[in-house]
Amino acid sequence: MGIKAKKSMMKKIKKGSTEFTAVRKDEAADFLPLEGGPARKLPITESSENKSNVLYIGRIPHGFYENEMEAFFKQFGEIKRIRIARNKKTGKSKHFGFIQFVSPEVAKIVAETMHNYLLFEHLLQVQIVPPERVHPNLWKGVNRFYKPLDRVHIERKRHNKERTFEEHKKLVDGILKRDQKRRKKIEAAGIDYECPEIVGIDVPVPKKIKFED
């Protein structure tokens, strides 16, 4: 083999090794530009869910409230805060809430373990809430015990309030109007019934009337 043939063979060997090395680099890369150029790996980004320690819990059954949730979920790890969404008027549960653990690792384990867990004929829906989706007012007033309004007391106070003579007359007129509608419906139905008269409509000055000066 001549000198020229040896040089040509050495060039081919070097060229093949260079192409093989480029292929290996491209295989290790995550991103290949369409317009050409060197390949590069994408930066490794950590998911925000791995840093979150807040869980959303849906389909909470009746009777499984703050105390019961704390007693149940503390087996996984230390709990920081618990909040169940409640109706502002009645104080009843809306059957969803949030729980915050001290450790994000514990929150991840709870989400994987308790999602679709059957509890009192309800499949719990447990999901991790990313930090950017946690509302600033989510934990507002979480340590205060919510006392629902006494609607009976409010309605009794409204009903028994002092009325002027015009307000009392308007109240009586409304009662008489509804009574006339009721009588017409009974007659239209063909029912022979004599409705009793409303007591107190002929009283000129009822109790608790406030006269203006």
N, C-alpha and C. Protein backbone atom coordinates (compact mmCIF):
# COMPACT_ATOMS: atom_id res chain seq x y z
N MET A 1 0.85 -1.19 0.00
CA MET A 1 0.00 0.00 0.00
C MET A 1 0.89 1.25 0.00
N GLY A 2 0.57 2.17 -0.89
CA GLY A 2 1.39 3.35 -1.02
C GLY A 2 1.12 4.36 0.08
N ILE A 3 1.94 5.40 0.07
CA ILE A 3 1.82 6.45 1.09
C ILE A 3 0.51 7.21 0.93
N LYS A 4 0.11 7.50 -0.32
CA LYS A 4 -1.13 8.23 -0.56
C LYS A 4 -2.35 7.43 -0.09
N ALA A 5 -2.30 6.13 -0.33
CA ALA A 5 -3.42 5.29 0.10
C ALA A 5 -3.55 5.25 1.61
N LYS A 6 -2.40 5.23 2.32
CA LYS A 6 -2.43 5.22 3.78
C LYS A 6 -3.01 6.53 4.34
N LYS A 7 -2.58 7.67 3.73
CA LYS A 7 -3.09 8.95 4.17
C LYS A 7 -4.61 9.05 3.96
N SER A 8 -5.08 8.56 2.79
CA SER A 8 -6.52 8.59 2.51
C SER A 8 -7.29 7.73 3.50
N MET A 9 -6.76 6.57 3.88
CA MET A 9 -7.42 5.70 4.85
C MET A 9 -7.49 6.35 6.23
N MET A 10 -6.39 7.03 6.65
CA MET A 10 -6.36 7.68 7.95
C MET A 10 -7.39 8.82 8.02
N LYS A 11 -7.56 9.56 6.89
CA LYS A 11 -8.56 10.63 6.85
C LYS A 11 -9.97 10.08 7.01
N LYS A 12 -10.26 8.96 6.35
CA LYS A 12 -11.58 8.34 6.44
C LYS A 12 -11.87 7.87 7.87
N ILE A 13 -10.81 7.29 8.52
CA ILE A 13 -11.00 6.81 9.89
C ILE A 13 -11.30 7.97 10.84
N LYS A 14 -10.54 9.09 10.68
CA LYS A 14 -10.77 10.26 11.53
C LYS A 14 -12.14 10.87 11.30
N LYS A 15 -12.55 10.93 10.02
CA LYS A 15 -13.85 11.49 9.68
C LYS A 15 -14.98 10.65 10.27
N GLY A 16 -14.83 9.32 10.20
CA GLY A 16 -15.85 8.43 10.76
C GLY A 16 -15.96 8.56 12.27
N SER A 17 -14.81 8.69 12.94
CA SER A 17 -14.85 8.84 14.40
C SER A 17 -15.47 10.17 14.80
N THR A 18 -15.24 11.23 14.00
CA THR A 18 -15.83 12.54 14.29
C THR A 18 -17.34 12.50 14.14
N GLU A 19 -17.84 11.85 13.07
CA GLU A 19 -19.28 11.72 12.86
C GLU A 19 -19.93 10.90 13.96
N PHE A 20 -19.26 9.84 14.40
CA PHE A 20 -19.79 8.99 15.46
C PHE A 20 -19.90 9.77 16.78
N THR A 21 -18.88 10.60 17.04
CA THR A 21 -18.90 11.42 18.25
C THR A 21 -20.03 12.44 18.20
N ALA A 22 -20.29 13.03 17.01
CA ALA A 22 -21.36 14.00 16.86
C ALA A 22 -22.71 13.35 17.07
N VAL A 23 -22.88 12.11 16.56
CA VAL A 23 -24.14 11.40 16.77
C VAL A 23 -24.36 11.11 18.23
N ARG A 24 -23.29 10.73 18.93
CA ARG A 24 -23.42 10.46 20.36
C ARG A 24 -23.83 11.72 21.12
N LYS A 25 -23.25 12.87 20.70
CA LYS A 25 -23.61 14.12 21.36
C LYS A 25 -25.06 14.50 21.09
N ASP A 26 -25.51 14.28 19.81
CA ASP A 26 -26.88 14.60 19.47
C ASP A 26 -27.86 13.72 20.20
N GLU A 27 -27.49 12.43 20.40
CA GLU A 27 -28.38 11.53 21.13
C GLU A 27 -28.51 11.94 22.58
N ALA A 28 -27.43 12.48 23.16
CA ALA A 28 -27.49 12.90 24.55
C ALA A 28 -28.20 14.23 24.72
N ALA A 29 -28.36 14.98 23.62
CA ALA A 29 -29.00 16.28 23.70
C ALA A 29 -30.51 16.14 23.73
N ASP A 30 -31.17 17.13 24.33
CA ASP A 30 -32.63 17.16 24.40
C ASP A 30 -33.25 18.01 23.30
N PHE A 31 -32.47 18.92 22.72
CA PHE A 31 -33.03 19.88 21.76
C PHE A 31 -32.10 20.00 20.56
N LEU A 32 -32.63 19.76 19.36
CA LEU A 32 -31.89 19.90 18.11
C LEU A 32 -32.51 21.04 17.32
N PRO A 33 -31.78 22.14 17.09
CA PRO A 33 -32.34 23.27 16.34
C PRO A 33 -32.69 22.87 14.92
N LEU A 34 -33.86 23.34 14.43
CA LEU A 34 -34.29 23.01 13.08
C LEU A 34 -33.40 23.68 12.03
N GLU A 35 -32.88 24.86 12.36
CA GLU A 35 -32.05 25.57 11.38
C GLU A 35 -30.61 25.11 11.42
N GLY A 36 -30.33 24.10 12.17
CA GLY A 36 -28.97 23.60 12.27
C GLY A 36 -28.25 24.19 13.46
N GLY A 37 -27.01 23.84 13.60
CA GLY A 37 -26.23 24.34 14.72
C GLY A 37 -26.04 23.27 15.77
N PRO A 38 -25.29 23.56 16.79
CA PRO A 38 -24.99 22.56 17.82
C PRO A 38 -26.23 22.21 18.64
N ALA A 39 -26.31 20.95 19.01
CA ALA A 39 -27.41 20.51 19.87
C ALA A 39 -27.13 20.91 21.32
N ARG A 40 -28.21 21.06 22.10
CA ARG A 40 -28.04 21.45 23.50
C ARG A 40 -29.12 20.79 24.36
N LYS A 41 -28.80 20.62 25.61
CA LYS A 41 -29.73 20.02 26.56
C LYS A 41 -30.59 21.11 27.19
N LEU A 42 -31.85 20.77 27.44
CA LEU A 42 -32.76 21.71 28.09
C LEU A 42 -32.44 21.78 29.57
N PRO A 43 -32.60 22.96 30.18
CA PRO A 43 -32.34 23.06 31.63
C PRO A 43 -33.35 22.25 32.43
N ILE A 44 -32.87 21.62 33.46
CA ILE A 44 -33.72 20.81 34.32
C ILE A 44 -34.47 21.74 35.26
N THR A 45 -35.80 21.74 35.17
CA THR A 45 -36.64 22.58 36.02
C THR A 45 -37.41 21.70 37.00
N GLU A 46 -37.43 22.12 38.23
CA GLU A 46 -38.15 21.37 39.27
C GLU A 46 -39.61 21.78 39.28
N SER A 47 -40.51 20.82 39.30
CA SER A 47 -41.94 21.12 39.31
C SER A 47 -42.33 21.86 40.58
N SER A 48 -43.26 22.85 40.41
CA SER A 48 -43.71 23.62 41.57
C SER A 48 -44.52 22.76 42.53
N GLU A 49 -45.10 21.66 42.01
CA GLU A 49 -45.88 20.79 42.89
C GLU A 49 -45.00 20.09 43.92
N ASN A 50 -43.71 19.91 43.58
CA ASN A 50 -42.81 19.26 44.53
C ASN A 50 -42.53 20.14 45.74
N LYS A 51 -42.75 21.46 45.60
CA LYS A 51 -42.50 22.37 46.69
C LYS A 51 -43.77 22.72 47.46
N SER A 52 -44.92 22.30 46.97
CA SER A 52 -46.19 22.68 47.60
C SER A 52 -46.52 21.73 48.74
N ASN A 53 -47.06 22.30 49.81
CA ASN A 53 -47.50 21.50 50.95
C ASN A 53 -48.99 21.69 51.24
N VAL A 54 -49.73 22.23 50.24
CA VAL A 54 -51.16 22.47 50.38
C VAL A 54 -51.92 21.47 49.50
N LEU A 55 -52.95 20.87 50.06
CA LEU A 55 -53.76 19.88 49.34
C LEU A 55 -55.20 20.35 49.27
N TYR A 56 -55.82 20.11 48.12
CA TYR A 56 -57.26 20.31 47.97
C TYR A 56 -57.94 18.97 48.21
N ILE A 57 -59.00 18.97 49.02
CA ILE A 57 -59.73 17.74 49.32
C ILE A 57 -61.19 17.97 48.96
N GLY A 58 -61.70 17.21 48.02
CA GLY A 58 -63.08 17.34 47.58
C GLY A 58 -63.90 16.11 47.94
N ARG A 59 -65.23 16.24 47.85
CA ARG A 59 -66.19 15.19 48.17
C ARG A 59 -66.03 14.73 49.63
N ILE A 60 -65.92 15.70 50.53
CA ILE A 60 -65.80 15.39 51.96
C ILE A 60 -67.17 14.94 52.47
N PRO A 61 -67.27 13.78 53.10
CA PRO A 61 -68.58 13.31 53.56
C PRO A 61 -69.09 14.08 54.77
N HIS A 62 -70.39 13.96 55.01
CA HIS A 62 -71.02 14.62 56.15
C HIS A 62 -70.48 14.04 57.45
N GLY A 63 -70.12 14.93 58.37
CA GLY A 63 -69.58 14.51 59.66
C GLY A 63 -68.08 14.41 59.70
N PHE A 64 -67.42 14.51 58.55
CA PHE A 64 -65.95 14.45 58.50
C PHE A 64 -65.43 15.88 58.39
N TYR A 65 -65.30 16.54 59.55
CA TYR A 65 -65.00 17.96 59.58
C TYR A 65 -63.58 18.19 60.13
N GLU A 66 -63.32 19.40 60.66
CA GLU A 66 -61.94 19.78 61.00
C GLU A 66 -61.30 18.83 62.01
N ASN A 67 -62.01 18.54 63.10
CA ASN A 67 -61.43 17.67 64.12
C ASN A 67 -61.20 16.26 63.60
N GLU A 68 -62.16 15.74 62.85
CA GLU A 68 -62.03 14.40 62.30
C GLU A 68 -60.91 14.33 61.25
N MET A 69 -60.80 15.38 60.44
CA MET A 69 -59.74 15.40 59.42
C MET A 69 -58.36 15.46 60.06
N GLU A 70 -58.24 16.26 61.12
CA GLU A 70 -56.95 16.36 61.79
C GLU A 70 -56.56 15.03 62.42
N ALA A 71 -57.52 14.37 63.06
CA ALA A 71 -57.22 13.08 63.68
C ALA A 71 -56.86 12.02 62.66
N PHE A 72 -57.44 12.12 61.44
CA PHE A 72 -57.19 11.11 60.42
C PHE A 72 -55.88 11.36 59.68
N PHE A 73 -55.62 12.60 59.28
CA PHE A 73 -54.47 12.89 58.42
C PHE A 73 -53.16 13.08 59.20
N LYS A 74 -53.23 13.23 60.51
CA LYS A 74 -51.99 13.40 61.25
C LYS A 74 -51.16 12.12 61.32
N GLN A 75 -51.74 11.00 60.87
CA GLN A 75 -50.96 9.76 60.82
C GLN A 75 -49.88 9.84 59.75
N PHE A 76 -50.05 10.74 58.75
CA PHE A 76 -49.05 10.88 57.71
C PHE A 76 -47.91 11.81 58.12
N GLY A 77 -48.22 12.84 58.88
CA GLY A 77 -47.20 13.80 59.27
C GLY A 77 -47.83 14.99 59.99
N GLU A 78 -46.99 15.95 60.33
CA GLU A 78 -47.45 17.12 61.09
C GLU A 78 -48.29 18.03 60.21
N ILE A 79 -49.45 18.43 60.74
CA ILE A 79 -50.38 19.29 60.02
C ILE A 79 -50.22 20.72 60.51
N LYS A 80 -50.22 21.65 59.56
CA LYS A 80 -50.09 23.07 59.90
C LYS A 80 -51.44 23.74 60.03
N ARG A 81 -52.29 23.59 58.99
CA ARG A 81 -53.61 24.24 59.01
C ARG A 81 -54.62 23.39 58.25
N ILE A 82 -55.89 23.51 58.65
CA ILE A 82 -57.00 22.83 57.97
C ILE A 82 -58.14 23.83 57.83
N ARG A 83 -58.74 23.82 56.67
CA ARG A 83 -59.91 24.69 56.46
C ARG A 83 -60.93 23.98 55.58
N ILE A 84 -62.18 23.99 56.03
CA ILE A 84 -63.30 23.44 55.26
C ILE A 84 -64.19 24.61 54.83
N ALA A 85 -64.54 24.64 53.56
CA ALA A 85 -65.42 25.69 53.06
C ALA A 85 -66.82 25.51 53.64
N ARG A 86 -67.37 26.60 54.15
CA ARG A 86 -68.68 26.54 54.79
C ARG A 86 -69.59 27.65 54.25
N ASN A 87 -70.89 27.42 54.35
CA ASN A 87 -71.88 28.42 53.97
C ASN A 87 -71.87 29.55 55.00
N LYS A 88 -71.82 30.80 54.53
CA LYS A 88 -71.72 31.93 55.44
C LYS A 88 -72.97 32.13 56.27
N LYS A 89 -74.13 31.74 55.74
CA LYS A 89 -75.38 31.94 56.46
C LYS A 89 -75.68 30.81 57.43
N THR A 90 -75.50 29.58 56.98
CA THR A 90 -75.88 28.44 57.81
C THR A 90 -74.70 27.78 58.51
N GLY A 91 -73.48 28.00 58.02
CA GLY A 91 -72.33 27.35 58.61
C GLY A 91 -72.15 25.91 58.20
N LYS A 92 -72.97 25.41 57.27
CA LYS A 92 -72.86 24.02 56.85
C LYS A 92 -71.69 23.84 55.88
N SER A 93 -71.14 22.64 55.88
CA SER A 93 -70.00 22.34 55.03
C SER A 93 -70.39 22.32 53.56
N LYS A 94 -69.48 22.82 52.71
CA LYS A 94 -69.66 22.75 51.26
C LYS A 94 -68.99 21.51 50.67
N HIS A 95 -68.50 20.63 51.55
CA HIS A 95 -67.94 19.33 51.17
C HIS A 95 -66.65 19.44 50.37
N PHE A 96 -65.89 20.50 50.58
CA PHE A 96 -64.52 20.57 50.06
C PHE A 96 -63.73 21.47 50.99
N GLY A 97 -62.42 21.27 50.99
CA GLY A 97 -61.58 22.05 51.88
C GLY A 97 -60.12 21.94 51.50
N PHE A 98 -59.26 22.45 52.38
CA PHE A 98 -57.82 22.48 52.13
C PHE A 98 -57.10 22.08 53.41
N ILE A 99 -55.96 21.44 53.22
CA ILE A 99 -55.13 21.04 54.35
C ILE A 99 -53.67 21.32 54.00
N GLN A 100 -52.95 21.86 54.95
CA GLN A 100 -51.55 22.22 54.74
C GLN A 100 -50.67 21.45 55.71
N PHE A 101 -49.70 20.73 55.15
CA PHE A 101 -48.73 19.99 55.96
C PHE A 101 -47.46 20.82 56.12
N VAL A 102 -46.66 20.46 57.09
CA VAL A 102 -45.39 21.15 57.29
C VAL A 102 -44.41 20.76 56.20
N SER A 103 -44.41 19.50 55.79
CA SER A 103 -43.45 19.00 54.81
C SER A 103 -44.12 18.79 53.45
N PRO A 104 -43.51 19.29 52.36
CA PRO A 104 -44.05 19.03 51.01
C PRO A 104 -44.00 17.54 50.64
N GLU A 105 -43.01 16.82 51.16
CA GLU A 105 -42.92 15.39 50.85
C GLU A 105 -44.12 14.63 51.42
N VAL A 106 -44.55 15.02 52.61
CA VAL A 106 -45.72 14.38 53.22
C VAL A 106 -46.97 14.69 52.41
N ALA A 107 -47.09 15.93 51.94
CA ALA A 107 -48.26 16.31 51.13
C ALA A 107 -48.31 15.49 49.85
N LYS A 108 -47.17 15.24 49.23
CA LYS A 108 -47.14 14.44 48.01
C LYS A 108 -47.57 13.00 48.28
N ILE A 109 -47.13 12.44 49.39
CA ILE A 109 -47.50 11.07 49.75
C ILE A 109 -49.00 10.98 50.02
N VAL A 110 -49.54 11.97 50.71
CA VAL A 110 -50.98 11.97 51.01
C VAL A 110 -51.80 12.08 49.72
N ALA A 111 -51.35 12.92 48.78
CA ALA A 111 -52.08 13.07 47.51
C ALA A 111 -52.08 11.76 46.72
N GLU A 112 -50.97 11.05 46.72
CA GLU A 112 -50.89 9.79 45.98
C GLU A 112 -51.66 8.68 46.68
N THR A 113 -51.71 8.72 48.01
CA THR A 113 -52.34 7.63 48.77
C THR A 113 -53.85 7.81 48.90
N MET A 114 -54.30 9.04 49.15
CA MET A 114 -55.70 9.27 49.51
C MET A 114 -56.59 9.68 48.34
N HIS A 115 -56.04 9.87 47.16
CA HIS A 115 -56.88 10.22 46.01
C HIS A 115 -57.75 9.02 45.63
N ASN A 116 -59.05 9.26 45.47
CA ASN A 116 -60.04 8.20 45.19
C ASN A 116 -60.13 7.18 46.32
N TYR A 117 -59.83 7.61 47.53
CA TYR A 117 -59.97 6.74 48.71
C TYR A 117 -61.44 6.73 49.14
N LEU A 118 -62.03 5.56 49.31
CA LEU A 118 -63.43 5.43 49.68
C LEU A 118 -63.60 5.67 51.17
N LEU A 119 -64.35 6.72 51.51
CA LEU A 119 -64.57 7.10 52.90
C LEU A 119 -66.04 7.45 53.08
N PHE A 120 -66.76 6.64 53.85
CA PHE A 120 -68.19 6.85 54.10
C PHE A 120 -68.95 7.00 52.77
N GLU A 121 -68.70 6.06 51.85
CA GLU A 121 -69.37 6.00 50.55
C GLU A 121 -69.06 7.22 49.67
N HIS A 122 -67.97 7.91 49.95
CA HIS A 122 -67.52 9.03 49.13
C HIS A 122 -66.08 8.77 48.69
N LEU A 123 -65.80 9.01 47.41
CA LEU A 123 -64.43 8.91 46.90
C LEU A 123 -63.76 10.27 47.08
N LEU A 124 -62.81 10.34 48.01
CA LEU A 124 -62.12 11.60 48.24
C LEU A 124 -61.32 12.01 47.00
N GLN A 125 -61.36 13.29 46.68
CA GLN A 125 -60.58 13.85 45.59
C GLN A 125 -59.47 14.70 46.20
N VAL A 126 -58.25 14.19 46.17
CA VAL A 126 -57.11 14.86 46.81
C VAL A 126 -56.11 15.25 45.73
N GLN A 127 -55.79 16.53 45.67
CA GLN A 127 -54.85 17.04 44.67
C GLN A 127 -53.93 18.07 45.31
N ILE A 128 -52.71 18.14 44.78
CA ILE A 128 -51.74 19.13 45.24
C ILE A 128 -52.06 20.47 44.60
N VAL A 129 -52.05 21.52 45.41
CA VAL A 129 -52.28 22.88 44.91
C VAL A 129 -50.92 23.56 44.76
N PRO A 130 -50.52 23.93 43.53
CA PRO A 130 -49.22 24.61 43.36
C PRO A 130 -49.18 25.91 44.14
N PRO A 131 -47.99 26.34 44.57
CA PRO A 131 -47.88 27.58 45.38
C PRO A 131 -48.45 28.80 44.68
N GLU A 132 -48.30 28.89 43.33
CA GLU A 132 -48.80 30.07 42.64
C GLU A 132 -50.31 30.11 42.55
N ARG A 133 -51.00 29.00 42.85
CA ARG A 133 -52.46 28.96 42.80
C ARG A 133 -53.11 29.04 44.18
N VAL A 134 -52.31 29.18 45.22
CA VAL A 134 -52.85 29.33 46.57
C VAL A 134 -53.26 30.78 46.76
N HIS A 135 -54.55 31.02 46.98
CA HIS A 135 -55.07 32.38 47.13
C HIS A 135 -54.57 33.00 48.43
N PRO A 136 -54.24 34.31 48.41
CA PRO A 136 -53.74 34.95 49.65
C PRO A 136 -54.72 34.88 50.81
N ASN A 137 -56.02 34.88 50.52
CA ASN A 137 -57.03 34.85 51.59
C ASN A 137 -57.52 33.44 51.92
N LEU A 138 -56.78 32.44 51.45
CA LEU A 138 -57.23 31.07 51.67
C LEU A 138 -57.30 30.72 53.15
N TRP A 139 -56.31 31.16 53.92
CA TRP A 139 -56.24 30.80 55.34
C TRP A 139 -56.72 31.94 56.23
N LYS A 140 -57.44 32.91 55.69
CA LYS A 140 -57.94 34.02 56.48
C LYS A 140 -59.02 33.54 57.45
N GLY A 141 -58.81 33.81 58.73
CA GLY A 141 -59.78 33.42 59.75
C GLY A 141 -59.88 31.93 59.97
N VAL A 142 -58.82 31.18 59.64
CA VAL A 142 -58.91 29.73 59.76
C VAL A 142 -58.95 29.26 61.21
N ASN A 143 -58.39 30.04 62.12
CA ASN A 143 -58.34 29.65 63.53
C ASN A 143 -59.56 30.11 64.31
N ARG A 144 -60.48 30.84 63.65
CA ARG A 144 -61.69 31.30 64.33
C ARG A 144 -62.82 30.31 64.09
N PHE A 145 -63.54 30.01 65.16
CA PHE A 145 -64.69 29.11 65.03
C PHE A 145 -65.86 29.89 64.47
N TYR A 146 -66.41 29.42 63.36
CA TYR A 146 -67.50 30.14 62.72
C TYR A 146 -68.81 29.84 63.44
N LYS A 147 -69.49 30.90 63.85
CA LYS A 147 -70.79 30.78 64.51
C LYS A 147 -71.87 31.20 63.53
N PRO A 148 -72.72 30.30 63.09
CA PRO A 148 -73.76 30.67 62.12
C PRO A 148 -74.77 31.63 62.72
N LEU A 149 -75.39 32.43 61.86
CA LEU A 149 -76.39 33.38 62.31
C LEU A 149 -77.65 32.67 62.77
N ASP A 150 -78.25 33.21 63.82
CA ASP A 150 -79.52 32.68 64.32
C ASP A 150 -80.64 33.29 63.49
N ARG A 151 -81.05 32.60 62.43
CA ARG A 151 -82.06 33.15 61.53
C ARG A 151 -83.42 33.26 62.20
N VAL A 152 -83.72 32.37 63.14
CA VAL A 152 -85.00 32.43 63.85
C VAL A 152 -85.08 33.69 64.70
N HIS A 153 -83.98 33.99 65.39
CA HIS A 153 -83.96 35.19 66.22
C HIS A 153 -84.09 36.45 65.37
N ILE A 154 -83.42 36.48 64.22
CA ILE A 154 -83.49 37.65 63.35
C ILE A 154 -84.90 37.83 62.80
N GLU A 155 -85.53 36.74 62.38
CA GLU A 155 -86.89 36.83 61.84
C GLU A 155 -87.89 37.20 62.93
N ARG A 156 -87.70 36.67 64.14
CA ARG A 156 -88.60 37.03 65.24
C ARG A 156 -88.48 38.51 65.57
N LYS A 157 -87.28 39.02 65.57
CA LYS A 157 -87.07 40.44 65.86
C LYS A 157 -87.69 41.31 64.78
N ARG A 158 -87.58 40.88 63.52
CA ARG A 158 -88.18 41.65 62.43
C ARG A 158 -89.70 41.62 62.51
N HIS A 159 -90.26 40.46 62.87
CA HIS A 159 -91.70 40.33 62.94
C HIS A 159 -92.30 41.13 64.10
N ASN A 160 -91.58 41.20 65.22
CA ASN A 160 -92.11 41.85 66.42
C ASN A 160 -91.67 43.30 66.56
N LYS A 161 -91.10 43.88 65.56
CA LYS A 161 -90.63 45.26 65.67
C LYS A 161 -91.83 46.22 65.72
N GLU A 162 -91.60 47.40 66.26
CA GLU A 162 -92.64 48.42 66.31
C GLU A 162 -92.91 48.95 64.91
N ARG A 163 -94.21 49.11 64.60
CA ARG A 163 -94.61 49.59 63.27
C ARG A 163 -95.45 50.86 63.40
N THR A 164 -95.35 51.68 62.39
CA THR A 164 -96.23 52.84 62.32
C THR A 164 -97.62 52.38 61.88
N PHE A 165 -98.60 53.29 61.96
CA PHE A 165 -99.96 52.93 61.58
C PHE A 165 -100.03 52.57 60.10
N GLU A 166 -99.26 53.26 59.24
CA GLU A 166 -99.26 52.96 57.81
C GLU A 166 -98.65 51.58 57.55
N GLU A 167 -97.57 51.27 58.26
CA GLU A 167 -96.94 49.96 58.09
C GLU A 167 -97.86 48.84 58.53
N HIS A 168 -98.59 49.05 59.64
CA HIS A 168 -99.53 48.04 60.12
C HIS A 168 -100.68 47.85 59.13
N LYS A 169 -101.18 48.95 58.58
CA LYS A 169 -102.28 48.87 57.60
C LYS A 169 -101.83 48.11 56.35
N LYS A 170 -100.59 48.36 55.90
CA LYS A 170 -100.06 47.66 54.74
C LYS A 170 -99.94 46.17 55.02
N LEU A 171 -99.53 45.82 56.24
CA LEU A 171 -99.41 44.42 56.62
C LEU A 171 -100.77 43.72 56.60
N VAL A 172 -101.80 44.38 57.18
CA VAL A 172 -103.14 43.80 57.22
C VAL A 172 -103.73 43.66 55.81
N ASP A 173 -103.51 44.67 54.97
CA ASP A 173 -104.02 44.61 53.59
C ASP A 173 -103.42 43.44 52.83
N GLY A 174 -102.15 43.18 53.07
CA GLY A 174 -101.50 42.03 52.41
C GLY A 174 -102.10 40.71 52.86
N ILE A 175 -102.39 40.61 54.16
CA ILE A 175 -103.01 39.38 54.68
C ILE A 175 -104.40 39.17 54.08
N LEU A 176 -105.20 40.23 54.01
CA LEU A 176 -106.54 40.13 53.43
C LEU A 176 -106.49 39.78 51.94
N LYS A 177 -105.53 40.33 51.24
CA LYS A 177 -105.42 40.06 49.80
C LYS A 177 -105.10 38.59 49.56
N ARG A 178 -104.18 38.05 50.34
CA ARG A 178 -103.84 36.63 50.20
C ARG A 178 -105.01 35.75 50.58
N ASP A 179 -105.79 36.17 51.60
CA ASP A 179 -106.95 35.39 52.00
C ASP A 179 -108.01 35.35 50.90
N GLN A 180 -108.23 36.46 50.19
CA GLN A 180 -109.19 36.48 49.09
C GLN A 180 -108.77 35.54 47.96
N LYS A 181 -107.48 35.51 47.65
CA LYS A 181 -106.98 34.59 46.61
C LYS A 181 -107.21 33.13 47.02
N ARG A 182 -106.99 32.85 48.30
CA ARG A 182 -107.19 31.49 48.79
C ARG A 182 -108.67 31.08 48.68
N ARG A 183 -109.58 31.98 49.01
CA ARG A 183 -111.02 31.69 48.92
C ARG A 183 -111.44 31.41 47.47
N LYS A 184 -110.91 32.21 46.52
CA LYS A 184 -111.26 32.02 45.11
C LYS A 184 -110.76 30.67 44.59
N LYS A 185 -109.58 30.24 45.02
CA LYS A 185 -109.06 28.94 44.59
C LYS A 185 -109.92 27.79 45.13
N ILE A 186 -110.40 27.94 46.37
CA ILE A 186 -111.26 26.91 46.95
C ILE A 186 -112.59 26.82 46.21
N GLU A 187 -113.16 27.99 45.87
CA GLU A 187 -114.43 27.99 45.13
C GLU A 187 -114.25 27.44 43.72
N ALA A 188 -113.12 27.78 43.07
CA ALA A 188 -112.87 27.27 41.71
C ALA A 188 -112.70 25.76 41.71
N ALA A 189 -112.22 25.21 42.80
CA ALA A 189 -112.05 23.76 42.89
C ALA A 189 -113.36 23.03 43.18
N GLY A 190 -114.43 23.78 43.43
CA GLY A 190 -115.72 23.15 43.71
C GLY A 190 -115.86 22.62 45.11
N ILE A 191 -115.10 23.14 46.03
CA ILE A 191 -115.13 22.66 47.42
C ILE A 191 -116.05 23.58 48.22
N ASP A 192 -117.00 22.99 48.91
CA ASP A 192 -117.94 23.76 49.73
C ASP A 192 -117.33 23.92 51.12
N TYR A 193 -116.67 25.03 51.29
CA TYR A 193 -115.98 25.27 52.58
C TYR A 193 -116.09 26.75 52.92
N GLU A 194 -116.48 27.02 54.13
CA GLU A 194 -116.60 28.40 54.59
C GLU A 194 -115.35 28.77 55.38
N CYS A 195 -114.56 29.66 54.83
CA CYS A 195 -113.30 30.05 55.47
C CYS A 195 -113.60 30.90 56.71
N PRO A 196 -112.91 30.66 57.79
CA PRO A 196 -113.12 31.48 58.99
C PRO A 196 -112.57 32.89 58.77
N GLU A 197 -113.19 33.82 59.45
CA GLU A 197 -112.75 35.20 59.34
C GLU A 197 -111.42 35.38 60.08
N ILE A 198 -110.64 36.31 59.56
CA ILE A 198 -109.35 36.59 60.17
C ILE A 198 -109.58 37.42 61.43
N VAL A 199 -109.06 36.97 62.56
CA VAL A 199 -109.24 37.63 63.84
C VAL A 199 -108.30 38.82 63.94
N GLY A 200 -108.81 39.94 64.37
CA GLY A 200 -107.96 41.09 64.66
C GLY A 200 -107.92 42.12 63.57
N ILE A 201 -108.65 41.92 62.45
CA ILE A 201 -108.57 42.89 61.37
C ILE A 201 -109.40 44.13 61.66
N ASP A 202 -110.36 44.04 62.61
CA ASP A 202 -111.21 45.17 62.92
C ASP A 202 -110.70 45.98 64.11
N VAL A 203 -109.54 45.55 64.65
CA VAL A 203 -108.98 46.29 65.79
C VAL A 203 -108.39 47.59 65.27
N PRO A 204 -108.86 48.74 65.72
CA PRO A 204 -108.38 50.00 65.15
C PRO A 204 -106.95 50.34 65.53
N VAL A 205 -106.55 50.01 66.76
CA VAL A 205 -105.21 50.36 67.23
C VAL A 205 -104.55 49.10 67.78
N PRO A 206 -103.85 48.34 66.94
CA PRO A 206 -103.19 47.14 67.43
C PRO A 206 -101.99 47.47 68.30
N LYS A 207 -101.45 46.45 68.92
CA LYS A 207 -100.30 46.64 69.80
C LYS A 207 -99.04 46.95 69.00
N LYS A 208 -98.09 47.56 69.68
CA LYS A 208 -96.77 47.85 69.14
C LYS A 208 -96.84 48.73 67.89
N ILE A 209 -97.67 49.78 67.99
CA ILE A 209 -97.72 50.77 66.90
C ILE A 209 -96.99 52.01 67.38
N LYS A 210 -96.06 52.48 66.60
CA LYS A 210 -95.27 53.65 66.96
C LYS A 210 -95.86 54.87 66.28
N PHE A 211 -96.37 55.80 67.08
CA PHE A 211 -96.97 57.03 66.54
C PHE A 211 -95.90 58.09 66.40
N GLU A 212 -95.94 58.75 65.28
CA GLU A 212 -94.98 59.82 65.04
C GLU A 212 -95.41 61.08 65.75
N ASP A 213 -94.44 61.84 66.23
CA ASP A 213 -94.75 63.11 66.94
C ASP A 213 -95.15 64.19 65.93
